[in-house]
Each structure stands twice: as C-alpha cells, then as structure tokens.
Amino acid sequence: MSHYDSFLTLRGIRRVKGDLVGRAFPVTVEILFSIFHHFDFNSFHACMHAAFLVAVFSFLRISNLVPYKLSDVSSLQSYFLKRKNLIFTDTGITLKVHRTKTIQFKQKALEIPLPCISGSVLCPVAAVQNYLRLAPVAPNVPMFQYRENNSLKPILLGDTRQLFLSVWTKHVCFDQTTFEQTTFG
C-alpha cells in the first residue's frame, strides 16, 4: 500500500468517524477565587490577576490580550491589547479593540466596558489599577508585562499562561488534567 493510498484510507475513515473534538474547560469564578486567594501580588501575580479578569469580563480571545511569541511584540500584524487601548472612565475601564476574529481590517473599534465591582477580588478595574501601579507600561507595548530583574517581560500566550494555570490548579487542588486546554468564560 502506498503512502497516498494510506492517506486516502485515513481521510475516508476520518470522514466516516468524524473528528474528535477536544473540549476546552472554562476557567470558572470558583477557580479564580481559589487561585487569587493564594496570590502574594508580586508583579507577575498582579499581571496574571489583571489579565485573567480582563479576559473573563471582556469575553475576548486570549490572542486579543497577549502576544503569542516574543517576535509578535514588534509585529504590525499582531492585535494584542496595548496600554493605549485602555480608557479609564468614571464607571470602570473601556477597552478599545481594533481587530478581532470578525473585525479583521480595522474597519471600526470595538469598545468593551469593564465593570467596577467594589471590594471584590474579581474586580477587573481594581486589578488593572493595582497591576499598573506595580508595573507601569508604555502606551505602545503589550499591556500585560511583569517585572523580572528590573525589566518588563511580556506575558506570552505560548508558554507562560498555560504553565501558570497548571501550577495554580494543582496548588489549589483542582484536577490538573481537566485544565490542560482551558478557555476563559
């Protein structure tokens, strides 16, 4: 049997059997509460706290929040959140997003309000304000960065977030295998 024949056979089996859909489990409020109560709120924890809450309350894809890899930081094609995309208002924060899955050519800016939840560890406005106090970032760089060895390093989708989630879900006694692939929501 040739390589092409086996390719056609596998494609036929796949068409008949269907694709296995991997379910992405949500990061729930319960998980966020459990994780956040273990924070010591250093620069990295404050950054992840703000990033997770912005993700949950904005319903944005993670690629709209952080760069995938370090080379994306300077790319014009990237569409992660930058400090200049945050507008502080009397009622909270408004995110200005210029590119999403459905807005691909910057036809308009999507404005997403983040609410102020006074006194709650789940308040995205307080989390962002605390984070910016600990690690002020310039307007045209990735929004979510943490201080390491007196320099700011961006949170990258490709490695840091998943490592962070797996360590903390294990630390707060959640089944780590359930959260190998996670989504916010």
C-alpha atoms as a PDB file:
ATOM      1  CA  MET A   1       0.000   0.000   0.000  1.00  0.00           C
ATOM      2  CA  SER A   2       1.485   3.339  -0.993  1.00  0.00           C
ATOM      3  CA  HIS A   3       1.680   6.449   1.154  1.00  0.00           C
ATOM      4  CA  TYR A   4      -1.039   8.059  -0.961  1.00  0.00           C
ATOM      5  CA  ASP A   5      -3.341   5.034  -0.543  1.00  0.00           C
ATOM      6  CA  SER A   6      -2.933   5.097   3.220  1.00  0.00           C
ATOM      7  CA  PHE A   7      -3.554   8.850   3.203  1.00  0.00           C
ATOM      8  CA  LEU A   8      -6.825   8.332   1.287  1.00  0.00           C
ATOM      9  CA  THR A   9      -7.840   5.482   3.590  1.00  0.00           C
ATOM     10  CA  LEU A  10      -7.219   7.566   6.711  1.00  0.00           C
ATOM     11  CA  ARG A  11      -9.087  10.513   5.223  1.00  0.00           C
ATOM     12  CA  GLY A  12     -12.057   8.232   4.443  1.00  0.00           C
ATOM     13  CA  ILE A  13     -12.070   6.829   7.980  1.00  0.00           C
ATOM     14  CA  ARG A  14     -11.908  10.340   9.386  1.00  0.00           C
ATOM     15  CA  ARG A  15     -14.819  11.438   7.197  1.00  0.00           C
ATOM     16  CA  VAL A  16     -16.959   8.491   8.360  1.00  0.00           C
ATOM     17  CA  LYS A  17     -15.945   8.543  12.037  1.00  0.00           C
ATOM     18  CA  GLY A  18     -15.766  12.315  12.399  1.00  0.00           C
ATOM     19  CA  ASP A  19     -13.246  14.421  14.238  1.00  0.00           C
ATOM     20  CA  LEU A  20     -12.575  14.106  17.913  1.00  0.00           C
ATOM     21  CA  VAL A  21     -13.431  17.455  19.398  1.00  0.00           C
ATOM     22  CA  GLY A  22     -11.330  18.368  22.400  1.00  0.00           C
ATOM     23  CA  ARG A  23     -13.377  20.266  24.932  1.00  0.00           C
ATOM     24  CA  ALA A  24     -11.813  23.372  26.427  1.00  0.00           C
ATOM     25  CA  PHE A  25     -12.923  23.693  30.019  1.00  0.00           C
ATOM     26  CA  PRO A  26     -13.789  27.155  31.305  1.00  0.00           C
ATOM     27  CA  VAL A  27     -11.901  28.979  33.986  1.00  0.00           C
ATOM     28  CA  THR A  28     -14.759  29.471  36.430  1.00  0.00           C
ATOM     29  CA  VAL A  29     -15.342  32.053  39.139  1.00  0.00           C
ATOM     30  CA  GLU A  30     -14.681  29.307  41.708  1.00  0.00           C
ATOM     31  CA  ILE A  31     -11.262  28.633  40.187  1.00  0.00           C
ATOM     32  CA  LEU A  32     -10.424  32.338  40.020  1.00  0.00           C
ATOM     33  CA  PHE A  33     -11.390  32.835  43.683  1.00  0.00           C
ATOM     34  CA  SER A  34      -9.268  29.865  44.720  1.00  0.00           C
ATOM     35  CA  ILE A  35      -6.255  30.983  42.710  1.00  0.00           C
ATOM     36  CA  PHE A  36      -6.446  34.661  43.669  1.00  0.00           C
ATOM     37  CA  HIS A  37      -6.596  33.888  47.403  1.00  0.00           C
ATOM     38  CA  HIS A  38      -3.142  32.271  47.105  1.00  0.00           C
ATOM     39  CA  PHE A  39      -1.506  35.272  45.427  1.00  0.00           C
ATOM     40  CA  ASP A  40       1.131  37.346  47.129  1.00  0.00           C
ATOM     41  CA  PHE A  41       0.536  40.003  44.417  1.00  0.00           C
ATOM     42  CA  ASN A  42       4.082  40.454  43.225  1.00  0.00           C
ATOM     43  CA  SER A  43       4.433  41.891  39.727  1.00  0.00           C
ATOM     44  CA  PHE A  44       3.776  38.558  37.989  1.00  0.00           C
ATOM     45  CA  HIS A  45       0.748  37.677  40.126  1.00  0.00           C
ATOM     46  CA  ALA A  46      -0.724  41.164  39.725  1.00  0.00           C
ATOM     47  CA  CYS A  47      -0.226  40.900  35.955  1.00  0.00           C
ATOM     48  CA  MET A  48      -1.902  37.483  35.729  1.00  0.00           C
ATOM     49  CA  HIS A  49      -4.711  38.641  38.052  1.00  0.00           C
ATOM     50  CA  ALA A  50      -5.442  41.601  35.757  1.00  0.00           C
ATOM     51  CA  ALA A  51      -5.055  39.539  32.565  1.00  0.00           C
ATOM     52  CA  PHE A  52      -7.424  36.804  33.752  1.00  0.00           C
ATOM     53  CA  LEU A  53     -10.086  39.281  34.864  1.00  0.00           C
ATOM     54  CA  VAL A  54      -9.854  41.333  31.669  1.00  0.00           C
ATOM     55  CA  ALA A  55     -10.209  38.075  29.708  1.00  0.00           C
ATOM     56  CA  VAL A  56     -13.229  36.927  31.725  1.00  0.00           C
ATOM     57  CA  PHE A  57     -15.104  40.243  31.681  1.00  0.00           C
ATOM     58  CA  SER A  58     -14.295  41.232  28.087  1.00  0.00           C
ATOM     59  CA  PHE A  59     -15.021  37.826  26.515  1.00  0.00           C
ATOM     60  CA  LEU A  60     -12.018  38.400  24.252  1.00  0.00           C
ATOM     61  CA  ARG A  61      -9.948  35.618  22.799  1.00  0.00           C
ATOM     62  CA  ILE A  62      -6.620  35.255  24.538  1.00  0.00           C
ATOM     63  CA  SER A  63      -4.847  36.231  21.283  1.00  0.00           C
ATOM     64  CA  ASN A  64      -6.508  39.648  21.614  1.00  0.00           C
ATOM     65  CA  LEU A  65      -4.923  40.080  25.030  1.00  0.00           C
ATOM     66  CA  VAL A  66      -1.322  38.848  24.818  1.00  0.00           C
ATOM     67  CA  PRO A  67       1.215  38.142  22.063  1.00  0.00           C
ATOM     68  CA  TYR A  68       1.803  34.509  21.141  1.00  0.00           C
ATOM     69  CA  LYS A  69       5.580  34.770  20.987  1.00  0.00           C
ATOM     70  CA  LEU A  70       8.225  37.406  21.595  1.00  0.00           C
ATOM     71  CA  SER A  71       8.653  38.222  17.895  1.00  0.00           C
ATOM     72  CA  ASP A  72       4.952  39.228  17.749  1.00  0.00           C
ATOM     73  CA  VAL A  73       5.613  42.155  20.112  1.00  0.00           C
ATOM     74  CA  SER A  74       7.070  44.278  17.309  1.00  0.00           C
ATOM     75  CA  SER A  75       4.892  42.873  14.505  1.00  0.00           C
ATOM     76  CA  LEU A  76       2.357  45.151  12.831  1.00  0.00           C
ATOM     77  CA  GLN A  77       0.135  42.112  12.162  1.00  0.00           C
ATOM     78  CA  SER A  78      -0.357  41.364  15.869  1.00  0.00           C
ATOM     79  CA  TYR A  79      -3.508  42.541  17.572  1.00  0.00           C
ATOM     80  CA  PHE A  80      -2.924  42.018  21.277  1.00  0.00           C
ATOM     81  CA  LEU A  81      -4.027  44.593  23.841  1.00  0.00           C
ATOM     82  CA  LYS A  82      -1.726  47.570  24.426  1.00  0.00           C
ATOM     83  CA  ARG A  83      -1.785  50.104  27.262  1.00  0.00           C
ATOM     84  CA  LYS A  84      -3.082  52.787  24.894  1.00  0.00           C
ATOM     85  CA  ASN A  85      -6.189  50.624  24.307  1.00  0.00           C
ATOM     86  CA  LEU A  86      -7.409  51.220  27.892  1.00  0.00           C
ATOM     87  CA  ILE A  87      -9.568  54.225  28.672  1.00  0.00           C
ATOM     88  CA  PHE A  88     -10.316  54.880  32.335  1.00  0.00           C
ATOM     89  CA  THR A  89     -13.837  56.227  32.943  1.00  0.00           C
ATOM     90  CA  ASP A  90     -15.964  57.093  35.987  1.00  0.00           C
ATOM     91  CA  THR A  91     -17.687  53.711  35.816  1.00  0.00           C
ATOM     92  CA  GLY A  92     -14.690  51.489  35.067  1.00  0.00           C
ATOM     93  CA  ILE A  93     -12.442  50.845  32.091  1.00  0.00           C
ATOM     94  CA  THR A  94     -13.259  50.747  28.393  1.00  0.00           C
ATOM     95  CA  LEU A  95     -11.131  48.573  26.126  1.00  0.00           C
ATOM     96  CA  LYS A  96     -10.699  49.699  22.517  1.00  0.00           C
ATOM     97  CA  VAL A  97     -10.113  46.665  20.339  1.00  0.00           C
ATOM     98  CA  HIS A  98      -9.293  47.313  16.689  1.00  0.00           C
ATOM     99  CA  ARG A  99      -9.001  43.749  15.448  1.00  0.00           C
ATOM    100  CA  THR A 100     -10.903  40.603  16.380  1.00  0.00           C
ATOM    101  CA  LYS A 101     -11.943  37.411  14.649  1.00  0.00           C
ATOM    102  CA  THR A 102     -14.766  39.329  12.938  1.00  0.00           C
ATOM    103  CA  ILE A 103     -13.145  42.787  12.668  1.00  0.00           C
ATOM    104  CA  GLN A 104     -10.043  41.931  10.663  1.00  0.00           C
ATOM    105  CA  PHE A 105      -9.273  45.098   8.743  1.00  0.00           C
ATOM    106  CA  LYS A 106      -9.639  47.728  11.480  1.00  0.00           C
ATOM    107  CA  GLN A 107     -12.938  48.939   9.991  1.00  0.00           C
ATOM    108  CA  LYS A 108     -14.036  50.118  13.424  1.00  0.00           C
ATOM    109  CA  ALA A 109     -13.037  49.980  17.061  1.00  0.00           C
ATOM    110  CA  LEU A 110     -14.922  47.647  19.350  1.00  0.00           C
ATOM    111  CA  GLU A 111     -15.417  49.313  22.746  1.00  0.00           C
ATOM    112  CA  ILE A 112     -15.789  46.873  25.625  1.00  0.00           C
ATOM    113  CA  PRO A 113     -16.660  48.196  29.092  1.00  0.00           C
ATOM    114  CA  LEU A 114     -15.135  46.510  32.133  1.00  0.00           C
ATOM    115  CA  PRO A 115     -17.244  46.956  35.268  1.00  0.00           C
ATOM    116  CA  CYS A 116     -16.119  48.131  38.670  1.00  0.00           C
ATOM    117  CA  ILE A 117     -17.036  45.604  41.383  1.00  0.00           C
ATOM    118  CA  SER A 118     -16.136  47.421  44.597  1.00  0.00           C
ATOM    119  CA  GLY A 119     -14.498  45.356  47.314  1.00  0.00           C
ATOM    120  CA  SER A 120     -14.236  42.141  45.280  1.00  0.00           C
ATOM    121  CA  VAL A 121     -11.084  40.277  44.338  1.00  0.00           C
ATOM    122  CA  LEU A 122     -12.872  39.768  40.999  1.00  0.00           C
ATOM    123  CA  CYS A 123     -12.987  43.494  40.163  1.00  0.00           C
ATOM    124  CA  PRO A 124     -11.179  43.932  36.823  1.00  0.00           C
ATOM    125  CA  VAL A 125     -10.787  47.699  37.305  1.00  0.00           C
ATOM    126  CA  ALA A 126      -9.054  47.340  40.688  1.00  0.00           C
ATOM    127  CA  ALA A 127      -6.896  44.509  39.320  1.00  0.00           C
ATOM    128  CA  VAL A 128      -5.745  46.604  36.340  1.00  0.00           C
ATOM    129  CA  GLN A 129      -5.090  49.665  38.523  1.00  0.00           C
ATOM    130  CA  ASN A 130      -3.058  47.601  41.010  1.00  0.00           C
ATOM    131  CA  TYR A 131      -1.127  45.960  38.179  1.00  0.00           C
ATOM    132  CA  LEU A 132      -0.301  49.296  36.521  1.00  0.00           C
ATOM    133  CA  ARG A 133       0.855  50.673  39.863  1.00  0.00           C
ATOM    134  CA  LEU A 134       3.312  47.765  40.249  1.00  0.00           C
ATOM    135  CA  ALA A 135       4.432  47.580  36.610  1.00  0.00           C
ATOM    136  CA  PRO A 136       3.695  50.755  34.639  1.00  0.00           C
ATOM    137  CA  VAL A 137       3.862  50.047  30.904  1.00  0.00           C
ATOM    138  CA  ALA A 138       4.390  52.371  27.950  1.00  0.00           C
ATOM    139  CA  PRO A 139       1.420  53.068  25.628  1.00  0.00           C
ATOM    140  CA  ASN A 140       2.614  51.079  22.572  1.00  0.00           C
ATOM    141  CA  VAL A 141       3.816  47.868  24.202  1.00  0.00           C
ATOM    142  CA  PRO A 142       1.861  44.772  25.291  1.00  0.00           C
ATOM    143  CA  MET A 143      -0.471  45.585  28.152  1.00  0.00           C
ATOM    144  CA  PHE A 144       0.371  42.557  30.256  1.00  0.00           C
ATOM    145  CA  GLN A 145       4.004  42.505  31.354  1.00  0.00           C
ATOM    146  CA  TYR A 146       5.699  41.630  34.609  1.00  0.00           C
ATOM    147  CA  ARG A 147       8.850  42.905  36.243  1.00  0.00           C
ATOM    148  CA  GLU A 148      11.792  40.499  36.272  1.00  0.00           C
ATOM    149  CA  ASN A 149      15.379  41.552  37.030  1.00  0.00           C
ATOM    150  CA  ASN A 150      14.484  45.272  36.739  1.00  0.00           C
ATOM    151  CA  SER A 151      12.975  44.904  33.269  1.00  0.00           C
ATOM    152  CA  LEU A 152       9.466  44.257  31.987  1.00  0.00           C
ATOM    153  CA  LYS A 153       8.763  40.968  30.206  1.00  0.00           C
ATOM    154  CA  PRO A 154       5.525  40.387  28.281  1.00  0.00           C
ATOM    155  CA  ILE A 155       3.173  37.580  29.168  1.00  0.00           C
ATOM    156  CA  LEU A 156       3.238  35.276  26.149  1.00  0.00           C
ATOM    157  CA  LEU A 157       0.364  33.022  25.146  1.00  0.00           C
ATOM    158  CA  GLY A 158       2.670  30.245  24.016  1.00  0.00           C
ATOM    159  CA  ASP A 159       4.178  29.388  27.390  1.00  0.00           C
ATOM    160  CA  THR A 160       3.540  31.498  30.468  1.00  0.00           C
ATOM    161  CA  ARG A 161      -0.246  31.328  30.725  1.00  0.00           C
ATOM    162  CA  GLN A 162      -0.520  27.548  30.461  1.00  0.00           C
ATOM    163  CA  LEU A 163       2.365  26.978  32.875  1.00  0.00           C
ATOM    164  CA  PHE A 164       0.785  29.425  35.315  1.00  0.00           C
ATOM    165  CA  LEU A 165      -2.628  27.757  35.124  1.00  0.00           C
ATOM    166  CA  SER A 166      -1.293  24.232  35.520  1.00  0.00           C
ATOM    167  CA  VAL A 167       0.799  25.155  38.583  1.00  0.00           C
ATOM    168  CA  TRP A 168      -2.043  27.021  40.279  1.00  0.00           C
ATOM    169  CA  THR A 169      -4.785  24.490  39.512  1.00  0.00           C
ATOM    170  CA  LYS A 170      -2.549  21.834  41.078  1.00  0.00           C
ATOM    171  CA  HIS A 171      -1.801  24.115  44.052  1.00  0.00           C
ATOM    172  CA  VAL A 172      -5.485  24.738  44.808  1.00  0.00           C
ATOM    173  CA  CYS A 173      -6.390  21.048  44.411  1.00  0.00           C
ATOM    174  CA  PHE A 174      -8.198  21.076  41.089  1.00  0.00           C
ATOM    175  CA  ASP A 175      -7.720  18.189  38.687  1.00  0.00           C
ATOM    176  CA  GLN A 176      -4.836  19.461  36.579  1.00  0.00           C
ATOM    177  CA  THR A 177      -5.608  17.151  33.627  1.00  0.00           C
ATOM    178  CA  THR A 178      -9.007  18.811  33.241  1.00  0.00           C
ATOM    179  CA  PHE A 179      -7.297  22.125  32.563  1.00  0.00           C
ATOM    180  CA  GLU A 180      -4.666  21.100  30.011  1.00  0.00           C
ATOM    181  CA  GLN A 181      -6.529  23.170  27.447  1.00  0.00           C
ATOM    182  CA  THR A 182      -8.510  25.936  29.056  1.00  0.00           C
ATOM    183  CA  THR A 183     -10.599  28.822  27.947  1.00  0.00           C
ATOM    184  CA  PHE A 184     -11.862  31.851  29.779  1.00  0.00           C
ATOM    185  CA  GLY A 185     -15.545  32.305  30.380  1.00  0.00           C
END
